[in-house]
PDB file of N, CA and C in Angstrom:
ATOM      1  N   MET A   1       0.883  -1.184   0.060  1.00  0.00           N
ATOM      2  CA  MET A   1       0.012   0.003  -0.091  1.00  0.00           C
ATOM      3  C   MET A   1       0.908   1.297   0.042  1.00  0.00           C
ATOM      4  N   THR A   2       1.898   1.190   0.689  1.00  0.00           N
ATOM      5  CA  THR A   2       2.830   2.411   0.786  1.00  0.00           C
ATOM      6  C   THR A   2       3.494   2.611  -0.557  1.00  0.00           C
ATOM      7  N   LYS A   3       3.779   1.626  -1.268  1.00  0.00           N
ATOM      8  CA  LYS A   3       4.307   1.759  -2.575  1.00  0.00           C
ATOM      9  C   LYS A   3       3.402   2.483  -3.537  1.00  0.00           C
ATOM     10  N   ILE A   4       2.049   2.199  -3.306  1.00  0.00           N
ATOM     11  CA  ILE A   4       1.153   2.851  -4.263  1.00  0.00           C
ATOM     12  C   ILE A   4       1.085   4.384  -4.016  1.00  0.00           C
ATOM     13  N   PHE A   5       1.194   4.664  -2.733  1.00  0.00           N
ATOM     14  CA  PHE A   5       1.263   6.227  -2.354  1.00  0.00           C
ATOM     15  C   PHE A   5       2.498   6.816  -2.744  1.00  0.00           C
ATOM     16  N   ILE A   6       3.502   6.270  -2.822  1.00  0.00           N
ATOM     17  CA  ILE A   6       4.702   6.749  -3.133  1.00  0.00           C
ATOM     18  C   ILE A   6       4.736   6.926  -4.780  1.00  0.00           C
ATOM     19  N   THR A   7       4.183   5.779  -5.400  1.00  0.00           N
ATOM     20  CA  THR A   7       4.228   5.914  -7.007  1.00  0.00           C
ATOM     21  C   THR A   7       3.288   7.150  -7.397  1.00  0.00           C
ATOM     22  N   ILE A   8       1.987   7.294  -6.601  1.00  0.00           N
ATOM     23  CA  ILE A   8       1.122   8.316  -6.874  1.00  0.00           C
ATOM     24  C   ILE A   8       1.816   9.635  -6.772  1.00  0.00           C
ATOM     25  N   ALA A   9       2.557   9.787  -5.679  1.00  0.00           N
ATOM     26  CA  ALA A   9       3.123  11.119  -5.384  1.00  0.00           C
ATOM     27  C   ALA A   9       4.231  11.401  -6.510  1.00  0.00           C
ATOM     28  N   ALA A  10       4.896  10.524  -6.859  1.00  0.00           N
ATOM     29  CA  ALA A  10       6.031  10.537  -8.014  1.00  0.00           C
ATOM     30  C   ALA A  10       5.370  11.018  -9.175  1.00  0.00           C
ATOM     31  N   VAL A  11       4.291  10.347  -9.660  1.00  0.00           N
ATOM     32  CA  VAL A  11       3.642  10.805 -10.906  1.00  0.00           C
ATOM     33  C   VAL A  11       3.070  12.273 -10.728  1.00  0.00           C
ATOM     34  N   LEU A  12       2.516  12.563  -9.593  1.00  0.00           N
ATOM     35  CA  LEU A  12       2.036  14.071  -9.464  1.00  0.00           C
ATOM     36  C   LEU A  12       3.093  15.041  -9.423  1.00  0.00           C
ATOM     37  N   VAL A  13       4.366  14.713  -9.042  1.00  0.00           N
ATOM     38  CA  VAL A  13       5.375  15.638  -9.014  1.00  0.00           C
ATOM     39  C   VAL A  13       5.812  15.804 -10.489  1.00  0.00           C
ATOM     40  N   LEU A  14       5.882  14.838 -11.193  1.00  0.00           N
ATOM     41  CA  LEU A  14       6.036  15.102 -12.708  1.00  0.00           C
ATOM     42  C   LEU A  14       5.293  15.752 -13.637  1.00  0.00           C
ATOM     43  N   SER A  15       3.949  15.683 -13.138  1.00  0.00           N
ATOM     44  CA  SER A  15       2.795  16.471 -13.909  1.00  0.00           C
ATOM     45  C   SER A  15       2.412  17.784 -13.196  1.00  0.00           C
ATOM     46  N   ALA A  16       3.008  18.118 -12.293  1.00  0.00           N
ATOM     47  CA  ALA A  16       2.738  19.438 -11.560  1.00  0.00           C
ATOM     48  C   ALA A  16       3.060  20.612 -12.385  1.00  0.00           C
ATOM     49  N   CYS A  17       2.364  21.606 -12.418  1.00  0.00           N
ATOM     50  CA  CYS A  17       2.700  22.930 -13.338  1.00  0.00           C
ATOM     51  C   CYS A  17       3.196  24.085 -12.531  1.00  0.00           C
ATOM     52  N   ASN A  18       2.974  24.331 -11.448  1.00  0.00           N
ATOM     53  CA  ASN A  18       3.523  25.471 -10.624  1.00  0.00           C
ATOM     54  C   ASN A  18       4.085  25.022  -9.293  1.00  0.00           C
ATOM     55  N   ALA A  19       4.649  26.029  -8.616  1.00  0.00           N
ATOM     56  CA  ALA A  19       5.309  25.736  -7.296  1.00  0.00           C
ATOM     57  C   ALA A  19       4.261  25.215  -6.345  1.00  0.00           C
ATOM     58  N   THR A  20       3.103  25.726  -6.300  1.00  0.00           N
ATOM     59  CA  THR A  20       2.109  25.165  -5.305  1.00  0.00           C
ATOM     60  C   THR A  20       1.817  23.756  -5.556  1.00  0.00           C
ATOM     61  N   GLN A  21       1.622  23.465  -6.869  1.00  0.00           N
ATOM     62  CA  GLN A  21       1.392  21.990  -7.060  1.00  0.00           C
ATOM     63  C   GLN A  21       2.377  21.043  -6.912  1.00  0.00           C
ATOM     64  N   ARG A  22       3.628  21.581  -7.222  1.00  0.00           N
ATOM     65  CA  ARG A  22       4.796  20.615  -6.981  1.00  0.00           C
ATOM     66  C   ARG A  22       5.112  20.482  -5.441  1.00  0.00           C
ATOM     67  N   GLY A  23       4.968  21.633  -4.789  1.00  0.00           N
ATOM     68  CA  GLY A  23       5.045  21.514  -3.332  1.00  0.00           C
ATOM     69  C   GLY A  23       4.181  20.592  -2.662  1.00  0.00           C
ATOM     70  N   ALA A  24       2.844  20.730  -3.157  1.00  0.00           N
ATOM     71  CA  ALA A  24       1.845  19.774  -2.507  1.00  0.00           C
ATOM     72  C   ALA A  24       2.130  18.251  -2.833  1.00  0.00           C
ATOM     73  N   ALA A  25       2.703  18.037  -4.180  1.00  0.00           N
ATOM     74  CA  ALA A  25       2.763  16.762  -4.608  1.00  0.00           C
ATOM     75  C   ALA A  25       4.052  16.127  -3.750  1.00  0.00           C
ATOM     76  N   ILE A  26       5.240  16.981  -3.636  1.00  0.00           N
ATOM     77  CA  ILE A  26       6.402  16.513  -2.864  1.00  0.00           C
ATOM     78  C   ILE A  26       6.016  16.530  -1.237  1.00  0.00           C
ATOM     79  N   GLY A  27       5.313  17.294  -0.902  1.00  0.00           N
ATOM     80  CA  GLY A  27       4.899  17.162   0.563  1.00  0.00           C
ATOM     81  C   GLY A  27       3.986  16.016   0.831  1.00  0.00           C
ATOM     82  N   ALA A  28       3.179  15.653  -0.095  1.00  0.00           N
ATOM     83  CA  ALA A  28       2.266  14.390   0.034  1.00  0.00           C
ATOM     84  C   ALA A  28       3.130  13.152   0.020  1.00  0.00           C
ATOM     85  N   GLY A  29       4.030  13.136  -0.849  1.00  0.00           N
ATOM     86  CA  GLY A  29       4.897  11.866  -0.924  1.00  0.00           C
ATOM     87  C   GLY A  29       5.729  11.777   0.277  1.00  0.00           C
ATOM     88  N   VAL A  30       6.347  12.924   0.714  1.00  0.00           N
ATOM     89  CA  VAL A  30       7.147  12.689   1.914  1.00  0.00           C
ATOM     90  C   VAL A  30       6.221  12.317   3.157  1.00  0.00           C
ATOM     91  N   GLY A  31       5.071  12.967   3.181  1.00  0.00           N
ATOM     92  CA  GLY A  31       4.172  12.742   4.244  1.00  0.00           C
ATOM     93  C   GLY A  31       3.608  11.276   4.351  1.00  0.00           C
ATOM     94  N   ALA A  32       3.377  10.835   3.245  1.00  0.00           N
ATOM     95  CA  ALA A  32       2.922   9.438   3.004  1.00  0.00           C
ATOM     96  C   ALA A  32       4.113   8.393   3.508  1.00  0.00           C
ATOM     97  N   ALA A  33       5.328   8.668   3.192  1.00  0.00           N
ATOM     98  CA  ALA A  33       6.396   7.815   3.443  1.00  0.00           C
ATOM     99  C   ALA A  33       6.549   7.979   5.024  1.00  0.00           C
ATOM    100  N   GLY A  34       6.571   9.095   5.385  1.00  0.00           N
ATOM    101  CA  GLY A  34       6.935   9.369   6.904  1.00  0.00           C
ATOM    102  C   GLY A  34       5.740   8.678   7.713  1.00  0.00           C
ATOM    103  N   GLY A  35       4.540   8.904   7.336  1.00  0.00           N
ATOM    104  CA  GLY A  35       3.282   8.204   8.080  1.00  0.00           C
ATOM    105  C   GLY A  35       3.436   6.826   7.992  1.00  0.00           C
ATOM    106  N   ALA A  36       3.688   6.133   6.950  1.00  0.00           N
ATOM    107  CA  ALA A  36       3.885   4.770   6.796  1.00  0.00           C
ATOM    108  C   ALA A  36       5.036   4.204   7.574  1.00  0.00           C
ATOM    109  N   ILE A  37       6.071   4.811   7.691  1.00  0.00           N
ATOM    110  CA  ILE A  37       7.212   4.409   8.438  1.00  0.00           C
ATOM    111  C   ILE A  37       7.011   4.593   9.797  1.00  0.00           C
ATOM    112  N   VAL A  38       6.296   5.606  10.427  1.00  0.00           N
ATOM    113  CA  VAL A  38       6.171   5.878  11.780  1.00  0.00           C
ATOM    114  C   VAL A  38       5.064   4.885  12.292  1.00  0.00           C
ATOM    115  N   THR A  39       3.975   4.789  11.668  1.00  0.00           N
ATOM    116  CA  THR A  39       2.790   3.875  12.104  1.00  0.00           C
ATOM    117  C   THR A  39       2.888   2.491  11.495  1.00  0.00           C
ATOM    118  N   GLY A  40       3.319   2.255  10.350  1.00  0.00           N
ATOM    119  CA  GLY A  40       3.261   1.065   9.784  1.00  0.00           C
ATOM    120  C   GLY A  40       1.809   0.696   9.122  1.00  0.00           C
ATOM    121  N   THR A  41       0.949   1.691   9.065  1.00  0.00           N
ATOM    122  CA  THR A  41      -0.359   1.279   8.653  1.00  0.00           C
ATOM    123  C   THR A  41      -0.731   2.192   7.370  1.00  0.00           C
ATOM    124  N   PRO A  42      -1.680   1.792   6.589  1.00  0.00           N
ATOM    125  CA  PRO A  42      -2.120   2.554   5.481  1.00  0.00           C
ATOM    126  C   PRO A  42      -2.837   3.862   5.903  1.00  0.00           C
ATOM    127  N   THR A  43      -3.449   3.767   7.033  1.00  0.00           N
ATOM    128  CA  THR A  43      -4.245   5.009   7.707  1.00  0.00           C
ATOM    129  C   THR A  43      -3.084   5.955   7.956  1.00  0.00           C
ATOM    130  N   GLY A  44      -2.024   5.670   8.592  1.00  0.00           N
ATOM    131  CA  GLY A  44      -0.945   6.538   8.932  1.00  0.00           C
ATOM    132  C   GLY A  44      -0.254   7.048   7.522  1.00  0.00           C
ATOM    133  N   ALA A  45      -0.184   6.331   6.545  1.00  0.00           N
ATOM    134  CA  ALA A  45       0.178   6.889   5.331  1.00  0.00           C
ATOM    135  C   ALA A  45      -0.669   7.938   4.781  1.00  0.00           C
ATOM    136  N   ALA A  46      -1.980   7.703   4.831  1.00  0.00           N
ATOM    137  CA  ALA A  46      -2.903   8.453   4.290  1.00  0.00           C
ATOM    138  C   ALA A  46      -2.914   9.954   5.070  1.00  0.00           C
ATOM    139  N   VAL A  47      -2.827   9.842   6.415  1.00  0.00           N
ATOM    140  CA  VAL A  47      -2.896  11.028   7.203  1.00  0.00           C
ATOM    141  C   VAL A  47      -1.498  11.718   6.948  1.00  0.00           C
ATOM    142  N   GLY A  48      -0.441  11.058   6.904  1.00  0.00           N
ATOM    143  CA  GLY A  48       0.848  11.708   6.573  1.00  0.00           C
ATOM    144  C   GLY A  48       0.792  12.473   5.143  1.00  0.00           C
ATOM    145  N   ALA A  49       0.215  11.820   4.136  1.00  0.00           N
ATOM    146  CA  ALA A  49       0.022  12.377   2.801  1.00  0.00           C
ATOM    147  C   ALA A  49      -0.828  13.629   2.885  1.00  0.00           C
ATOM    148  N   ALA A  50      -1.940  13.619   3.552  1.00  0.00           N
ATOM    149  CA  ALA A  50      -2.780  14.694   3.682  1.00  0.00           C
ATOM    150  C   ALA A  50      -2.126  15.938   4.375  1.00  0.00           C
ATOM    151  N   ALA A  51      -1.286  15.628   5.521  1.00  0.00           N
ATOM    152  CA  ALA A  51      -0.733  16.762   6.259  1.00  0.00           C
ATOM    153  C   ALA A  51       0.506  17.277   5.435  1.00  0.00           C
ATOM    154  N   GLY A  52       1.243  16.372   4.670  1.00  0.00           N
ATOM    155  CA  GLY A  52       2.339  16.762   3.965  1.00  0.00           C
ATOM    156  C   GLY A  52       1.914  17.554   2.732  1.00  0.00           C
ATOM    157  N   GLY A  53       0.818  17.169   2.211  1.00  0.00           N
ATOM    158  CA  GLY A  53       0.276  17.781   0.874  1.00  0.00           C
ATOM    159  C   GLY A  53      -0.165  19.306   1.274  1.00  0.00           C
ATOM    160  N   LEU A  54      -0.750  19.394   2.474  1.00  0.00           N
ATOM    161  CA  LEU A  54      -1.198  20.766   2.808  1.00  0.00           C
ATOM    162  C   LEU A  54      -0.014  21.571   3.131  1.00  0.00           C
ATOM    163  N   ALA A  55       0.888  21.057   3.911  1.00  0.00           N
ATOM    164  CA  ALA A  55       2.125  21.836   4.218  1.00  0.00           C
ATOM    165  C   ALA A  55       2.975  22.157   2.949  1.00  0.00           C
ATOM    166  N   GLY A  56       2.996  21.370   2.106  1.00  0.00           N
ATOM    167  CA  GLY A  56       3.790  21.464   0.847  1.00  0.00           C
ATOM    168  C   GLY A  56       3.118  22.456  -0.119  1.00  0.00           C
ATOM    169  N   ALA A  57       1.891  22.557  -0.208  1.00  0.00           N
ATOM    170  CA  ALA A  57       1.112  23.409  -0.871  1.00  0.00           C
ATOM    171  C   ALA A  57       1.295  24.928  -0.342  1.00  0.00           C
ATOM    172  N   LEU A  58       1.223  25.109   0.994  1.00  0.00           N
ATOM    173  CA  LEU A  58       1.307  26.295   1.652  1.00  0.00           C
ATOM    174  C   LEU A  58       2.769  26.905   1.326  1.00  0.00           C
ATOM    175  N   ILE A  59       3.749  26.031   1.444  1.00  0.00           N
ATOM    176  CA  ILE A  59       5.168  26.433   1.289  1.00  0.00           C
ATOM    177  C   ILE A  59       5.317  26.732  -0.142  1.00  0.00           C
ATOM    178  N   GLY A  60       4.937  25.989  -1.140  1.00  0.00           N
ATOM    179  CA  GLY A  60       5.000  26.260  -2.478  1.00  0.00           C
ATOM    180  C   GLY A  60       4.283  27.675  -2.846  1.00  0.00           C
ATOM    181  N   ARG A  61       3.076  27.736  -2.258  1.00  0.00           N
ATOM    182  CA  ARG A  61       2.386  29.063  -2.664  1.00  0.00           C
ATOM    183  C   ARG A  61       3.102  30.242  -2.216  1.00  0.00           C
ATOM    184  N   ALA A  62       3.848  30.153  -1.051  1.00  0.00           N
ATOM    185  CA  ALA A  62       4.535  31.224  -0.455  1.00  0.00           C
ATOM    186  C   ALA A  62       5.708  31.600  -1.440  1.00  0.00           C
ATOM    187  N   SER A  63       6.272  30.497  -2.102  1.00  0.00           N
ATOM    188  CA  SER A  63       7.562  30.792  -2.921  1.00  0.00           C
ATOM    189  C   SER A  63       7.269  31.303  -4.341  1.00  0.00           C
ATOM    190  N   GLU A  64       5.888  31.317  -4.654  1.00  0.00           N
ATOM    191  CA  GLU A  64       5.590  31.818  -6.057  1.00  0.00           C
ATOM    192  C   GLU A  64       5.680  33.351  -6.179  1.00  0.00           C
ATOM    193  N   ASP A  65       5.924  33.835  -7.264  1.00  0.00           N
ATOM    194  CA  ASP A  65       6.011  35.367  -7.439  1.00  0.00           C
ATOM    195  C   ASP A  65       4.672  35.996  -7.835  1.00  0.00           C
ATOM    196  N   GLY A  66       3.581  35.391  -7.809  1.00  0.00           N
ATOM    197  CA  GLY A  66       2.408  36.014  -8.012  1.00  0.00           C
ATOM    198  C   GLY A  66       1.886  35.767  -9.604  1.00  0.00           C
ATOM    199  N   LYS A  67       2.662  35.013 -10.269  1.00  0.00           N
ATOM    200  CA  LYS A  67       2.345  34.739 -11.741  1.00  0.00           C
ATOM    201  C   LYS A  67       1.965  33.196 -11.893  1.00  0.00           C
ATOM    202  N   CYS A  68       1.086  33.039 -12.791  1.00  0.00           N
ATOM    203  CA  CYS A  68       0.584  31.626 -13.170  1.00  0.00           C
ATOM    204  C   CYS A  68       0.813  31.371 -14.518  1.00  0.00           C
ATOM    205  N   ARG A  69       0.878  30.054 -14.995  1.00  0.00           N
ATOM    206  CA  ARG A  69       1.026  29.757 -16.265  1.00  0.00           C
ATOM    207  C   ARG A  69      -0.394  29.214 -16.749  1.00  0.00           C
ATOM    208  N   TYR A  70      -0.810  29.858 -17.927  1.00  0.00           N
ATOM    209  CA  TYR A  70      -2.157  29.721 -18.556  1.00  0.00           C
ATOM    210  C   TYR A  70      -1.894  29.035 -19.827  1.00  0.00           C
ATOM    211  N   ARG A  71      -2.883  28.331 -20.354  1.00  0.00           N
ATOM    212  CA  ARG A  71      -2.964  27.896 -21.773  1.00  0.00           C
ATOM    213  C   ARG A  71      -4.292  28.133 -22.485  1.00  0.00           C
ATOM    214  N   ASP A  72      -4.062  28.776 -23.648  1.00  0.00           N
ATOM    215  CA  ASP A  72      -5.084  29.286 -24.459  1.00  0.00           C
ATOM    216  C   ASP A  72      -5.765  28.094 -25.041  1.00  0.00           C
ATOM    217  N   ARG A  73      -7.030  27.873 -24.851  1.00  0.00           N
ATOM    218  CA  ARG A  73      -7.737  26.622 -25.349  1.00  0.00           C
ATOM    219  C   ARG A  73      -7.894  26.605 -26.823  1.00  0.00           C
ATOM    220  N   ARG A  74      -7.931  27.779 -27.528  1.00  0.00           N
ATOM    221  CA  ARG A  74      -8.174  27.810 -28.791  1.00  0.00           C
ATOM    222  C   ARG A  74      -6.881  27.447 -29.556  1.00  0.00           C
ATOM    223  N   THR A  75      -5.775  28.113 -29.208  1.00  0.00           N
ATOM    224  CA  THR A  75      -4.546  28.047 -29.955  1.00  0.00           C
ATOM    225  C   THR A  75      -3.429  26.997 -29.231  1.00  0.00           C
ATOM    226  N   GLY A  76      -3.715  26.680 -27.988  1.00  0.00           N
ATOM    227  CA  GLY A  76      -2.897  25.697 -27.295  1.00  0.00           C
ATOM    228  C   GLY A  76      -1.565  26.491 -26.738  1.00  0.00           C
ATOM    229  N   ARG A  77      -1.491  27.903 -27.030  1.00  0.00           N
ATOM    230  CA  ARG A  77      -0.328  28.650 -26.669  1.00  0.00           C
ATOM    231  C   ARG A  77      -0.272  28.703 -24.952  1.00  0.00           C
ATOM    232  N   THR A  78       0.856  28.620 -24.489  1.00  0.00           N
ATOM    233  CA  THR A  78       1.037  28.773 -23.045  1.00  0.00           C
ATOM    234  C   THR A  78       1.623  30.094 -22.777  1.00  0.00           C
ATOM    235  N   TYR A  79       1.042  30.732 -21.812  1.00  0.00           N
ATOM    236  CA  TYR A  79       1.635  32.214 -21.393  1.00  0.00           C
ATOM    237  C   TYR A  79       1.559  32.369 -19.919  1.00  0.00           C
ATOM    238  N   ILE A  80       2.310  33.358 -19.449  1.00  0.00           N
ATOM    239  CA  ILE A  80       2.504  33.717 -17.983  1.00  0.00           C
ATOM    240  C   ILE A  80       1.735  34.936 -17.799  1.00  0.00           C
ATOM    241  N   ASP A  81       0.984  35.003 -16.748  1.00  0.00           N
ATOM    242  CA  ASP A  81       0.285  36.185 -16.370  1.00  0.00           C
ATOM    243  C   ASP A  81      -0.004  36.176 -14.846  1.00  0.00           C
ATOM    244  N   ARG A  82      -0.549  37.343 -14.347  1.00  0.00           N
ATOM    245  CA  ARG A  82      -0.871  37.482 -12.899  1.00  0.00           C
ATOM    246  C   ARG A  82      -1.899  36.435 -12.519  1.00  0.00           C
ATOM    247  N   CYS A  83      -1.858  35.845 -11.388  1.00  0.00           N
ATOM    248  CA  CYS A  83      -2.743  34.920 -10.926  1.00  0.00           C
ATOM    249  C   CYS A  83      -3.991  35.570 -10.499  1.00  0.00           C
TER     250      CYS A  83
END
């Protein structure tokens, strides 16, 4: 079960778009691993993932410069603008 959480977190890190999402994914992965190691149960891994994801998202959001990446649906062009 722990391997599933770690795999999901790794996939999320690779697909994350901005610092908030990357921080949440990394935090969830680290939290899941820590929760699984400390408690040895899937519930502990889930609680650790939730707590780590929240903390990682907050840290990632604080490190952003107020700009977000957007994609134009019609043209597919990616651009950066204020959030």
